[in-house]
Structure formats: structure tokens, C-alpha cells
């Protein structure tokens, strides 16, 4: 645990988290602009959750030795990963409904008036696809199913790092 505690206090750890988020967001851009797969409303919201983790990584990267910045980064990471898991689970339910009268997602994104992300960066935050349509699969799993795994893995990694904050800080 001491290793993980010390690692969480390094810029390398937060830089790696940020690098993974940049990689996943770049994949989303490749799917959208390279493969011409239209993102749906849930895809866009999942991107926002992923971006939230990236912002948390930047916060942690600023001053990882400072407990306030580290804990703000950890909290942001947890919030983004949790929201992403909830969103991706809901998205999977749209793709694999349990009954024929299941709800469907909205047609347009709904951001707050103070942050109309779809107007500021429509190439990244505008939704034009159908949430229930499976447009890509890898190893038999759809994109939101992979996102469930990614967000859940983030929560597991976060839990281990948070536990290390309590056990790694102890003096021997």
C-alpha cells in the first residue's frame, strides 16, 4: 500500500490517468469522424463523464503532493467514473431492452444554459445517432458495454488508490 500511496502523490500517476482518458476520447473521435459512426445522446453524456475524469486528472496533476489537490482529483475521478458507469449501464439497457415498451433516450442533448457544450464544440458534443442502435462491436460487446467495463475498472482502481491513502500514510 505504501507504493500506491507514494505513486498517487506523483505526477506520473495523474499523467497516466490523463493519458488513458485522452486515448479513450481520441478513440471516440476516431469512431465519430474516422469511421463515421454518429454519436447518440448517451454517447455524448458518456464523453462528458470521461472528460470529467480527465479534468480530475489535471487537478491531481497540478500538485499531487498537496493533499487538497490529490483528494479533489480523487473525488472528481470517482464522480466521473460513477456517472459514466450509470450512463453506460442505461445506454446498454437501450440497446438490449428487457421489454418491447422500454424507454428510449432523448433525441437531443440537454446541457445547462451556462454550459451549452454542444454549441461550444459541436464536433465533440453534438448527438446525431440512435441510442438503441448497435453500430460497433468488439469481442461481442457493444461500445456502451465496453464503457461499462472501462468505468467500472476506473472505480476499482480508484478504490485501491483511496484505500492506499489511509494505509500508505501510516508511519511504521
N, C-alpha and C. Protein backbone atom coordinates (compact mmCIF):
# COMPACT_ATOMS: atom_id res chain seq x y z
N UNK A 1 0.82 -1.20 0.00
CA UNK A 1 0.00 0.00 0.00
C UNK A 1 0.87 1.26 0.00
N UNK A 2 2.01 1.18 0.61
CA UNK A 2 2.91 2.34 0.65
C UNK A 2 3.30 2.76 -0.76
N UNK A 3 3.56 1.77 -1.62
CA UNK A 3 3.91 2.08 -3.01
C UNK A 3 2.79 2.84 -3.70
N UNK A 4 1.55 2.36 -3.55
CA UNK A 4 0.41 3.01 -4.21
C UNK A 4 0.16 4.41 -3.64
N UNK A 5 0.37 4.55 -2.34
CA UNK A 5 0.23 5.87 -1.72
C UNK A 5 1.25 6.83 -2.32
N UNK A 6 2.50 6.40 -2.37
CA UNK A 6 3.54 7.25 -2.95
C UNK A 6 3.30 7.51 -4.43
N UNK A 7 2.82 6.49 -5.13
CA UNK A 7 2.52 6.63 -6.56
C UNK A 7 1.42 7.66 -6.78
N UNK A 8 0.41 7.67 -5.92
CA UNK A 8 -0.69 8.64 -6.06
C UNK A 8 -0.22 10.07 -5.81
N UNK A 9 0.92 10.21 -5.17
CA UNK A 9 1.48 11.53 -4.89
C UNK A 9 2.46 11.97 -5.98
N UNK A 10 2.55 11.18 -7.05
CA UNK A 10 3.47 11.51 -8.15
C UNK A 10 2.69 12.06 -9.35
N UNK A 11 3.36 12.89 -10.10
CA UNK A 11 2.73 13.40 -11.33
C UNK A 11 2.56 12.29 -12.35
N UNK A 12 3.41 11.27 -12.29
CA UNK A 12 3.31 10.16 -13.23
C UNK A 12 1.95 9.48 -13.14
N UNK A 13 1.47 9.25 -11.92
CA UNK A 13 0.18 8.56 -11.76
C UNK A 13 -0.96 9.36 -12.38
N UNK A 14 -0.99 10.66 -12.11
CA UNK A 14 -2.06 11.51 -12.65
C UNK A 14 -1.89 11.70 -14.14
N UNK A 15 -0.65 11.74 -14.60
CA UNK A 15 -0.38 11.84 -16.03
C UNK A 15 -0.83 10.60 -16.78
N UNK A 16 -0.63 9.43 -16.16
CA UNK A 16 -1.10 8.19 -16.78
C UNK A 16 -2.62 8.16 -16.87
N UNK A 17 -3.28 8.59 -15.80
CA UNK A 17 -4.75 8.65 -15.84
C UNK A 17 -5.20 9.58 -16.95
N UNK A 18 -4.59 10.74 -17.05
CA UNK A 18 -4.94 11.69 -18.10
C UNK A 18 -4.66 11.10 -19.49
N UNK A 19 -3.54 10.40 -19.63
CA UNK A 19 -3.20 9.79 -20.93
C UNK A 19 -4.25 8.75 -21.34
N UNK A 20 -4.72 7.95 -20.39
CA UNK A 20 -5.76 6.98 -20.71
C UNK A 20 -7.04 7.68 -21.16
N UNK A 21 -7.40 8.76 -20.49
CA UNK A 21 -8.62 9.49 -20.85
C UNK A 21 -8.47 10.12 -22.24
N UNK A 22 -7.31 10.71 -22.51
CA UNK A 22 -7.06 11.28 -23.84
C UNK A 22 -7.15 10.18 -24.90
N UNK A 23 -6.61 9.01 -24.60
CA UNK A 23 -6.69 7.88 -25.53
C UNK A 23 -8.15 7.50 -25.80
N UNK A 24 -8.95 7.37 -24.74
CA UNK A 24 -10.36 6.99 -24.93
C UNK A 24 -11.14 8.06 -25.68
N UNK A 25 -10.86 9.33 -25.39
CA UNK A 25 -11.55 10.41 -26.12
C UNK A 25 -11.10 10.44 -27.58
N UNK A 26 -9.83 10.16 -27.83
CA UNK A 26 -9.35 10.09 -29.22
C UNK A 26 -10.01 8.93 -29.95
N UNK A 27 -10.23 7.83 -29.26
CA UNK A 27 -10.96 6.71 -29.87
C UNK A 27 -12.37 7.14 -30.25
N UNK A 28 -13.02 7.88 -29.36
CA UNK A 28 -14.38 8.37 -29.65
C UNK A 28 -14.37 9.25 -30.89
N UNK A 29 -13.36 10.10 -30.99
CA UNK A 29 -13.26 10.99 -32.17
C UNK A 29 -12.99 10.18 -33.43
N UNK A 30 -12.19 9.13 -33.32
CA UNK A 30 -11.94 8.27 -34.48
C UNK A 30 -13.22 7.56 -34.91
N UNK A 31 -13.96 7.03 -33.93
CA UNK A 31 -15.23 6.37 -34.27
C UNK A 31 -16.17 7.34 -34.96
N UNK A 32 -16.24 8.57 -34.44
CA UNK A 32 -17.17 9.55 -34.99
C UNK A 32 -16.69 10.10 -36.33
N UNK A 33 -15.48 10.59 -36.39
CA UNK A 33 -15.02 11.29 -37.59
C UNK A 33 -14.28 10.39 -38.58
N UNK A 34 -13.61 9.36 -38.08
CA UNK A 34 -12.89 8.46 -38.97
C UNK A 34 -13.77 7.37 -39.54
N UNK A 35 -14.54 6.73 -38.66
CA UNK A 35 -15.42 5.63 -39.08
C UNK A 35 -16.83 6.10 -39.42
N UNK A 36 -17.12 7.38 -39.19
CA UNK A 36 -18.42 7.99 -39.48
C UNK A 36 -19.57 7.35 -38.69
N UNK A 37 -19.29 6.97 -37.44
CA UNK A 37 -20.33 6.44 -36.55
C UNK A 37 -20.91 7.63 -35.78
N UNK A 38 -22.19 7.87 -35.96
CA UNK A 38 -22.83 9.02 -35.33
C UNK A 38 -23.03 8.77 -33.83
N UNK A 39 -22.57 9.69 -32.98
CA UNK A 39 -22.78 9.50 -31.54
C UNK A 39 -24.22 9.84 -31.15
N UNK A 40 -24.73 9.08 -30.21
CA UNK A 40 -26.08 9.35 -29.71
C UNK A 40 -25.98 10.22 -28.45
N UNK A 41 -27.12 10.56 -27.90
CA UNK A 41 -27.16 11.39 -26.70
C UNK A 41 -26.39 10.72 -25.56
N UNK A 42 -26.59 9.44 -25.36
CA UNK A 42 -25.89 8.75 -24.28
C UNK A 42 -24.38 8.73 -24.53
N UNK A 43 -23.98 8.56 -25.78
CA UNK A 43 -22.55 8.59 -26.12
C UNK A 43 -21.95 9.93 -25.71
N UNK A 44 -22.65 11.00 -25.99
CA UNK A 44 -22.16 12.34 -25.66
C UNK A 44 -22.08 12.51 -24.15
N UNK A 45 -23.09 12.06 -23.42
CA UNK A 45 -23.06 12.17 -21.96
C UNK A 45 -21.92 11.32 -21.38
N UNK A 46 -21.67 10.15 -21.98
CA UNK A 46 -20.56 9.31 -21.54
C UNK A 46 -19.23 10.01 -21.82
N UNK A 47 -19.15 10.75 -22.91
CA UNK A 47 -17.95 11.55 -23.19
C UNK A 47 -17.74 12.61 -22.13
N UNK A 48 -18.83 13.22 -21.70
CA UNK A 48 -18.73 14.25 -20.66
C UNK A 48 -18.20 13.62 -19.37
N UNK A 49 -18.69 12.44 -19.02
CA UNK A 49 -18.19 11.75 -17.83
C UNK A 49 -16.71 11.45 -17.96
N UNK A 50 -16.30 10.99 -19.14
CA UNK A 50 -14.89 10.70 -19.39
C UNK A 50 -14.06 11.99 -19.30
N UNK A 51 -14.60 13.08 -19.84
CA UNK A 51 -13.92 14.38 -19.75
C UNK A 51 -13.80 14.81 -18.30
N UNK A 52 -14.81 14.52 -17.49
CA UNK A 52 -14.75 14.83 -16.07
C UNK A 52 -13.59 14.12 -15.39
N UNK A 53 -13.36 12.87 -15.75
CA UNK A 53 -12.21 12.14 -15.20
C UNK A 53 -10.92 12.82 -15.65
N UNK A 54 -10.89 13.27 -16.90
CA UNK A 54 -9.70 13.97 -17.40
C UNK A 54 -9.44 15.26 -16.63
N UNK A 55 -10.49 16.00 -16.33
CA UNK A 55 -10.34 17.24 -15.55
C UNK A 55 -9.84 16.90 -14.14
N UNK A 56 -10.37 15.82 -13.56
CA UNK A 56 -9.90 15.39 -12.25
C UNK A 56 -8.42 15.02 -12.30
N UNK A 57 -8.00 14.38 -13.37
CA UNK A 57 -6.59 14.02 -13.53
C UNK A 57 -5.72 15.27 -13.60
N UNK A 58 -6.20 16.29 -14.28
CA UNK A 58 -5.45 17.56 -14.37
C UNK A 58 -5.34 18.20 -12.99
N UNK A 59 -6.41 18.15 -12.21
CA UNK A 59 -6.38 18.71 -10.85
C UNK A 59 -5.33 17.97 -10.02
N UNK A 60 -5.34 16.65 -10.08
CA UNK A 60 -4.34 15.88 -9.35
C UNK A 60 -2.93 16.13 -9.86
N UNK A 61 -2.81 16.35 -11.15
CA UNK A 61 -1.51 16.59 -11.78
C UNK A 61 -0.90 17.92 -11.35
N UNK A 62 -1.73 18.88 -11.02
CA UNK A 62 -1.24 20.21 -10.63
C UNK A 62 -0.32 20.13 -9.41
N UNK A 63 -0.77 19.44 -8.38
CA UNK A 63 0.02 19.37 -7.14
C UNK A 63 -0.28 18.06 -6.41
N UNK A 64 0.20 16.92 -6.92
CA UNK A 64 -0.15 15.63 -6.32
C UNK A 64 0.36 15.45 -4.89
N UNK A 65 1.38 16.19 -4.51
CA UNK A 65 1.89 16.11 -3.13
C UNK A 65 0.96 16.81 -2.14
N UNK A 66 0.16 17.74 -2.65
CA UNK A 66 -0.76 18.50 -1.83
C UNK A 66 -2.03 17.67 -1.62
N UNK A 67 -2.34 17.40 -0.36
CA UNK A 67 -3.49 16.54 -0.06
C UNK A 67 -4.80 17.10 -0.62
N UNK A 68 -4.98 18.42 -0.59
CA UNK A 68 -6.21 19.02 -1.10
C UNK A 68 -6.37 18.73 -2.60
N UNK A 69 -5.32 18.98 -3.38
CA UNK A 69 -5.40 18.73 -4.82
C UNK A 69 -5.57 17.23 -5.10
N UNK A 70 -4.86 16.41 -4.35
CA UNK A 70 -4.95 14.96 -4.55
C UNK A 70 -6.36 14.47 -4.25
N UNK A 71 -6.94 14.91 -3.13
CA UNK A 71 -8.28 14.46 -2.77
C UNK A 71 -9.35 15.04 -3.70
N UNK A 72 -9.16 16.27 -4.16
CA UNK A 72 -10.09 16.82 -5.16
C UNK A 72 -10.02 16.00 -6.45
N UNK A 73 -8.82 15.64 -6.85
CA UNK A 73 -8.64 14.80 -8.03
C UNK A 73 -9.29 13.44 -7.85
N UNK A 74 -9.09 12.83 -6.69
CA UNK A 74 -9.69 11.53 -6.41
C UNK A 74 -11.22 11.62 -6.41
N UNK A 75 -11.74 12.68 -5.79
CA UNK A 75 -13.21 12.85 -5.75
C UNK A 75 -13.77 13.06 -7.15
N UNK A 76 -13.10 13.89 -7.95
CA UNK A 76 -13.55 14.11 -9.32
C UNK A 76 -13.47 12.84 -10.16
N UNK A 77 -12.41 12.08 -9.96
CA UNK A 77 -12.25 10.81 -10.65
C UNK A 77 -13.40 9.88 -10.29
N UNK A 78 -13.72 9.80 -9.01
CA UNK A 78 -14.81 8.94 -8.57
C UNK A 78 -16.16 9.38 -9.11
N UNK A 79 -16.40 10.69 -9.08
CA UNK A 79 -17.67 11.21 -9.58
C UNK A 79 -17.82 10.92 -11.07
N UNK A 80 -16.78 11.21 -11.85
CA UNK A 80 -16.84 10.98 -13.29
C UNK A 80 -17.01 9.51 -13.63
N UNK A 81 -16.26 8.65 -12.93
CA UNK A 81 -16.35 7.21 -13.21
C UNK A 81 -17.70 6.65 -12.80
N UNK A 82 -18.22 7.10 -11.67
CA UNK A 82 -19.53 6.64 -11.22
C UNK A 82 -20.63 7.09 -12.19
N UNK A 83 -20.61 8.37 -12.56
CA UNK A 83 -21.61 8.87 -13.51
C UNK A 83 -21.49 8.13 -14.85
N UNK A 84 -20.26 7.91 -15.29
CA UNK A 84 -20.05 7.19 -16.54
C UNK A 84 -20.60 5.77 -16.49
N UNK A 85 -20.41 5.11 -15.35
CA UNK A 85 -20.93 3.75 -15.20
C UNK A 85 -22.45 3.75 -15.23
N UNK A 86 -23.07 4.70 -14.55
CA UNK A 86 -24.54 4.80 -14.55
C UNK A 86 -25.04 5.06 -15.98
N UNK A 87 -24.39 5.99 -16.67
CA UNK A 87 -24.81 6.33 -18.04
C UNK A 87 -24.62 5.17 -18.99
N UNK A 88 -23.49 4.50 -18.92
CA UNK A 88 -23.23 3.39 -19.85
C UNK A 88 -24.16 2.21 -19.57
N UNK A 89 -24.50 2.00 -18.29
CA UNK A 89 -25.46 0.94 -17.95
C UNK A 89 -26.84 1.27 -18.52
N UNK A 90 -27.23 2.53 -18.42
CA UNK A 90 -28.51 2.95 -19.00
C UNK A 90 -28.47 2.80 -20.53
N UNK A 91 -27.33 3.12 -21.12
CA UNK A 91 -27.18 3.01 -22.57
C UNK A 91 -27.30 1.54 -23.01
N UNK A 92 -26.69 0.64 -22.27
CA UNK A 92 -26.79 -0.79 -22.58
C UNK A 92 -28.25 -1.23 -22.52
N UNK A 93 -28.99 -0.71 -21.56
CA UNK A 93 -30.42 -1.05 -21.45
C UNK A 93 -31.20 -0.59 -22.67
N UNK A 94 -30.80 0.52 -23.28
CA UNK A 94 -31.46 0.97 -24.52
C UNK A 94 -31.14 0.03 -25.67
N UNK A 95 -29.92 -0.50 -25.68
CA UNK A 95 -29.53 -1.39 -26.77
C UNK A 95 -30.08 -2.80 -26.62
N UNK A 96 -30.26 -3.22 -25.38
CA UNK A 96 -30.76 -4.57 -25.12
C UNK A 96 -31.96 -4.48 -24.18
N UNK A 97 -33.10 -3.97 -24.69
CA UNK A 97 -34.28 -3.77 -23.82
C UNK A 97 -34.84 -5.10 -23.32
N UNK A 98 -35.33 -5.06 -22.07
CA UNK A 98 -35.91 -6.27 -21.49
C UNK A 98 -37.38 -6.42 -21.85
N UNK A 99 -38.01 -5.35 -22.30
CA UNK A 99 -39.39 -5.46 -22.77
C UNK A 99 -39.57 -4.53 -23.97
N UNK A 100 -40.55 -4.82 -24.81
CA UNK A 100 -40.72 -4.02 -26.03
C UNK A 100 -41.18 -2.59 -25.79
N UNK A 101 -41.63 -2.28 -24.58
CA UNK A 101 -42.10 -0.92 -24.28
C UNK A 101 -41.08 -0.12 -23.49
N UNK A 102 -39.84 -0.55 -23.56
CA UNK A 102 -38.79 0.15 -22.82
C UNK A 102 -38.66 1.59 -23.31
N UNK A 103 -38.20 2.42 -22.43
CA UNK A 103 -37.97 3.83 -22.76
C UNK A 103 -36.81 3.96 -23.74
N UNK A 104 -36.79 5.04 -24.45
CA UNK A 104 -35.68 5.33 -25.35
C UNK A 104 -35.03 6.64 -24.90
N UNK A 105 -33.84 6.87 -25.39
CA UNK A 105 -33.15 8.09 -24.97
C UNK A 105 -33.69 9.30 -25.73
N UNK A 106 -33.31 10.46 -25.25
CA UNK A 106 -33.74 11.72 -25.87
C UNK A 106 -33.13 11.86 -27.27
N UNK A 107 -33.72 12.72 -28.07
CA UNK A 107 -33.21 12.95 -29.42
C UNK A 107 -32.09 13.99 -29.43
N UNK A 108 -32.10 14.89 -28.45
CA UNK A 108 -31.10 15.96 -28.40
C UNK A 108 -30.47 16.02 -27.02
N UNK A 109 -29.21 16.43 -26.98
CA UNK A 109 -28.54 16.59 -25.70
C UNK A 109 -29.17 17.75 -24.95
N UNK A 110 -29.09 17.70 -23.64
CA UNK A 110 -29.69 18.72 -22.80
C UNK A 110 -28.65 19.19 -21.79
N UNK A 111 -27.85 20.17 -22.19
CA UNK A 111 -26.85 20.74 -21.30
C UNK A 111 -27.42 21.99 -20.65
N UNK A 112 -26.89 22.35 -19.47
CA UNK A 112 -27.38 23.57 -18.81
C UNK A 112 -27.09 24.81 -19.65
N UNK A 113 -27.89 25.84 -19.47
CA UNK A 113 -27.73 27.07 -20.26
C UNK A 113 -26.37 27.71 -20.04
N UNK A 114 -25.77 27.53 -18.86
CA UNK A 114 -24.47 28.13 -18.57
C UNK A 114 -23.31 27.33 -19.19
N UNK A 115 -23.60 26.14 -19.72
CA UNK A 115 -22.55 25.32 -20.35
C UNK A 115 -23.12 24.56 -21.54
N UNK A 116 -23.51 25.26 -22.60
CA UNK A 116 -24.05 24.57 -23.78
C UNK A 116 -22.92 23.93 -24.61
N UNK A 117 -22.40 22.82 -24.10
CA UNK A 117 -21.24 22.19 -24.71
C UNK A 117 -21.45 21.85 -26.17
N UNK A 118 -22.67 21.46 -26.51
CA UNK A 118 -22.96 21.11 -27.91
C UNK A 118 -22.90 22.31 -28.84
N UNK A 119 -23.04 23.51 -28.29
CA UNK A 119 -22.90 24.72 -29.10
C UNK A 119 -21.44 25.17 -29.15
N UNK A 120 -20.71 24.97 -28.05
CA UNK A 120 -19.31 25.37 -27.99
C UNK A 120 -18.42 24.46 -28.83
N UNK A 121 -18.70 23.16 -28.80
CA UNK A 121 -17.87 22.19 -29.53
C UNK A 121 -18.78 21.11 -30.13
N UNK A 122 -19.54 21.48 -31.16
CA UNK A 122 -20.49 20.51 -31.73
C UNK A 122 -19.79 19.28 -32.32
N UNK A 123 -18.58 19.41 -32.77
CA UNK A 123 -17.83 18.28 -33.32
C UNK A 123 -17.55 17.22 -32.27
N UNK A 124 -17.70 17.58 -30.99
CA UNK A 124 -17.42 16.66 -29.89
C UNK A 124 -18.67 16.34 -29.08
N UNK A 125 -19.57 17.30 -28.93
CA UNK A 125 -20.70 17.15 -28.01
C UNK A 125 -22.08 17.15 -28.68
N UNK A 126 -22.17 17.14 -30.00
CA UNK A 126 -23.48 17.11 -30.65
C UNK A 126 -23.85 15.66 -30.95
N UNK A 127 -25.09 15.31 -30.64
CA UNK A 127 -25.58 13.95 -30.83
C UNK A 127 -26.47 13.87 -32.07
N UNK A 128 -26.18 12.89 -32.91
CA UNK A 128 -26.99 12.68 -34.11
C UNK A 128 -27.41 11.22 -34.30
N UNK A 129 -26.91 10.34 -33.44
CA UNK A 129 -27.19 8.91 -33.59
C UNK A 129 -28.36 8.43 -32.75
N UNK A 130 -28.62 7.14 -32.83
CA UNK A 130 -29.71 6.47 -32.13
C UNK A 130 -29.12 5.61 -31.01
N UNK A 131 -29.56 5.86 -29.78
CA UNK A 131 -29.02 5.15 -28.61
C UNK A 131 -29.24 3.63 -28.66
N UNK A 132 -30.33 3.22 -29.25
CA UNK A 132 -30.66 1.80 -29.27
C UNK A 132 -29.96 1.02 -30.37
N UNK A 133 -29.35 1.71 -31.28
CA UNK A 133 -28.71 1.06 -32.42
C UNK A 133 -27.28 0.65 -32.07
N UNK A 134 -26.96 -0.60 -32.34
CA UNK A 134 -25.59 -1.09 -32.11
C UNK A 134 -24.83 -0.89 -33.42
N UNK A 135 -23.88 0.05 -33.40
CA UNK A 135 -23.17 0.40 -34.63
C UNK A 135 -21.74 -0.15 -34.65
N UNK A 136 -21.29 -0.71 -33.54
CA UNK A 136 -19.92 -1.21 -33.45
C UNK A 136 -19.86 -2.25 -32.35
N UNK A 137 -19.11 -3.31 -32.60
CA UNK A 137 -18.88 -4.34 -31.58
C UNK A 137 -17.44 -4.81 -31.67
N UNK A 138 -16.91 -5.22 -30.52
CA UNK A 138 -15.58 -5.80 -30.45
C UNK A 138 -15.64 -6.92 -29.43
N UNK A 139 -15.22 -8.11 -29.83
CA UNK A 139 -15.28 -9.30 -28.98
C UNK A 139 -16.70 -9.55 -28.46
N UNK A 140 -17.68 -9.24 -29.30
CA UNK A 140 -19.08 -9.49 -28.96
C UNK A 140 -19.73 -8.46 -28.05
N UNK A 141 -19.00 -7.41 -27.69
CA UNK A 141 -19.56 -6.38 -26.82
C UNK A 141 -19.72 -5.07 -27.59
N UNK A 142 -20.83 -4.39 -27.32
CA UNK A 142 -21.08 -3.09 -27.95
C UNK A 142 -20.26 -2.01 -27.25
N UNK A 143 -20.23 -0.83 -27.84
CA UNK A 143 -19.47 0.28 -27.28
C UNK A 143 -19.88 0.61 -25.84
N UNK A 144 -21.18 0.75 -25.53
CA UNK A 144 -21.52 1.05 -24.14
C UNK A 144 -21.19 -0.09 -23.18
N UNK A 145 -21.17 -1.32 -23.67
CA UNK A 145 -20.75 -2.42 -22.80
C UNK A 145 -19.26 -2.30 -22.47
N UNK A 146 -18.46 -1.90 -23.45
CA UNK A 146 -17.04 -1.65 -23.19
C UNK A 146 -16.87 -0.48 -22.23
N UNK A 147 -17.72 0.53 -22.39
CA UNK A 147 -17.63 1.67 -21.48
C UNK A 147 -18.00 1.28 -20.05
N UNK A 148 -18.95 0.37 -19.89
CA UNK A 148 -19.25 -0.14 -18.55
C UNK A 148 -17.99 -0.75 -17.92
N UNK A 149 -17.28 -1.53 -18.70
CA UNK A 149 -16.04 -2.16 -18.21
C UNK A 149 -15.00 -1.09 -17.88
N UNK A 150 -14.84 -0.11 -18.76
CA UNK A 150 -13.85 0.95 -18.55
C UNK A 150 -14.17 1.77 -17.30
N UNK A 151 -15.42 2.18 -17.16
CA UNK A 151 -15.79 2.98 -15.99
C UNK A 151 -15.72 2.14 -14.71
N UNK A 152 -16.13 0.88 -14.77
CA UNK A 152 -16.04 0.01 -13.59
C UNK A 152 -14.57 -0.20 -13.21
N UNK A 153 -13.71 -0.39 -14.18
CA UNK A 153 -12.28 -0.55 -13.91
C UNK A 153 -11.71 0.71 -13.27
N UNK A 154 -12.18 1.87 -13.71
CA UNK A 154 -11.77 3.13 -13.10
C UNK A 154 -12.17 3.16 -11.62
N UNK A 155 -13.38 2.71 -11.33
CA UNK A 155 -13.84 2.71 -9.94
C UNK A 155 -13.04 1.74 -9.08
N UNK A 156 -12.68 0.60 -9.63
CA UNK A 156 -11.86 -0.37 -8.89
C UNK A 156 -10.48 0.22 -8.62
N UNK A 157 -9.86 0.79 -9.66
CA UNK A 157 -8.54 1.41 -9.49
C UNK A 157 -8.62 2.55 -8.47
N UNK A 158 -9.65 3.35 -8.56
CA UNK A 158 -9.84 4.46 -7.62
C UNK A 158 -9.97 3.93 -6.19
N UNK A 159 -10.76 2.89 -5.99
CA UNK A 159 -10.95 2.34 -4.65
C UNK A 159 -9.62 1.88 -4.05
N UNK A 160 -8.80 1.25 -4.85
CA UNK A 160 -7.49 0.79 -4.37
C UNK A 160 -6.61 1.98 -3.99
N UNK A 161 -6.63 3.02 -4.82
CA UNK A 161 -5.82 4.21 -4.54
C UNK A 161 -6.34 4.94 -3.29
N UNK A 162 -7.65 5.01 -3.14
CA UNK A 162 -8.22 5.66 -1.95
C UNK A 162 -7.85 4.88 -0.69
N UNK A 163 -7.95 3.56 -0.72
CA UNK A 163 -7.55 2.75 0.43
C UNK A 163 -6.08 2.99 0.76
N UNK A 164 -5.26 3.10 -0.28
CA UNK A 164 -3.83 3.35 -0.07
C UNK A 164 -3.59 4.68 0.63
N UNK A 165 -4.49 5.65 0.46
CA UNK A 165 -4.33 6.94 1.11
C UNK A 165 -4.36 6.79 2.64
N UNK A 166 -5.10 5.82 3.12
CA UNK A 166 -5.23 5.63 4.56
C UNK A 166 -4.16 4.70 5.13
N UNK A 167 -3.82 3.66 4.38
CA UNK A 167 -2.85 2.70 4.89
C UNK A 167 -1.41 3.07 4.53
N UNK A 168 -1.24 3.73 3.39
CA UNK A 168 0.11 4.10 2.97
C UNK A 168 0.67 5.27 3.75
N UNK A 169 -0.20 6.09 4.30
CA UNK A 169 0.26 7.27 5.02
C UNK A 169 0.71 6.96 6.43
N UNK A 170 0.44 5.76 6.91
CA UNK A 170 0.83 5.38 8.28
C UNK A 170 2.35 5.27 8.38
N UNK A 171 2.88 5.72 9.48
CA UNK A 171 4.31 5.60 9.76
C UNK A 171 4.57 4.24 10.38
N UNK A 172 5.67 3.63 9.97
CA UNK A 172 5.99 2.30 10.52
C UNK A 172 6.87 2.43 11.73
